[in-house]
């Protein structure tokens, strides 16, 4: 049983016509000790791993689109990632009901069957009476936590930089990965994260190789650790250092809105949040934030 679970699902569970990729999985206790880590393939294996680690109040952070209600386009939470973190070159992939990226929704259903509650506010997270899950995005954690020092832009430890030759891009990606691991190991963090406390995450400190699949294997595990730590960070700091993207209350600009100007009347309805799903769940992303990253940004 673990306090915090991180699931780097992303596109990991595949689709009906696509084989599942690896999902990075990390379990962590309140002291930052990593109690288990590894990889799984497919929704059954991921669900079984989570079930084996569930505690009475486990908090599960998933890097995937869990609640999706918009028929087309981009979810409001994803739009706000770009609006508020774009200066750090962070943006989110769009998800909608027509997209093939259904892995998160499938996992949401399976974990709900296990009695895991979906939470979309700090109050709901704190008041949970059993295990709970939420959606996060490792990049917003890395640039939103000032102690890590990514003040200008996100670390390029994932995709290759298309503006330079492939060999150079692979070398730079490896350097960025190793530097990120160094910062996570050496920076005093509150709450702590002890990557060296488990043999698999300890090996993340080994020098990176340029081989793409090997790099992706390590990246998935690192993102799983970042997800678990994001859960711990949210529980420790709440709204003081975390914002809920896509969670604003809907409001109207129109003839019925109090004090509406003629310009607003012409614009008609405007929503700052996507509709809830049939179970009353709000699509949101939980994101650590600096003061300058809060609120609407152009």
Foldseek 3Di string as FASTA:
>chain_A
DAQFKFWACALAQDFPVGFGHKIWIWGAHLLQFTPDTDIDHHLVGVLVVCLVPFDFAHEYEYAAFAFADAADDAFLQQVLQCQQQVQQVDGDDGDHPPDRSCVNNVNNVSVVVVVEAEDQALVCSVPDRGYYYYYAHLQLACCQDCQLPSPGHGQLQDDFDPVDDLVVRLVSNQVSQLSSLVSLCPGDDVSHHHLCNDPLSVCSNPRDDSDVVVSVRSVSNVNRSSRRVLRSVCNRQPPNFKDKGQPDAFDWQAPPDPPHDPVSNVVTGDGSHDDADPVRHGRIYIGGHDPSSDDGGD
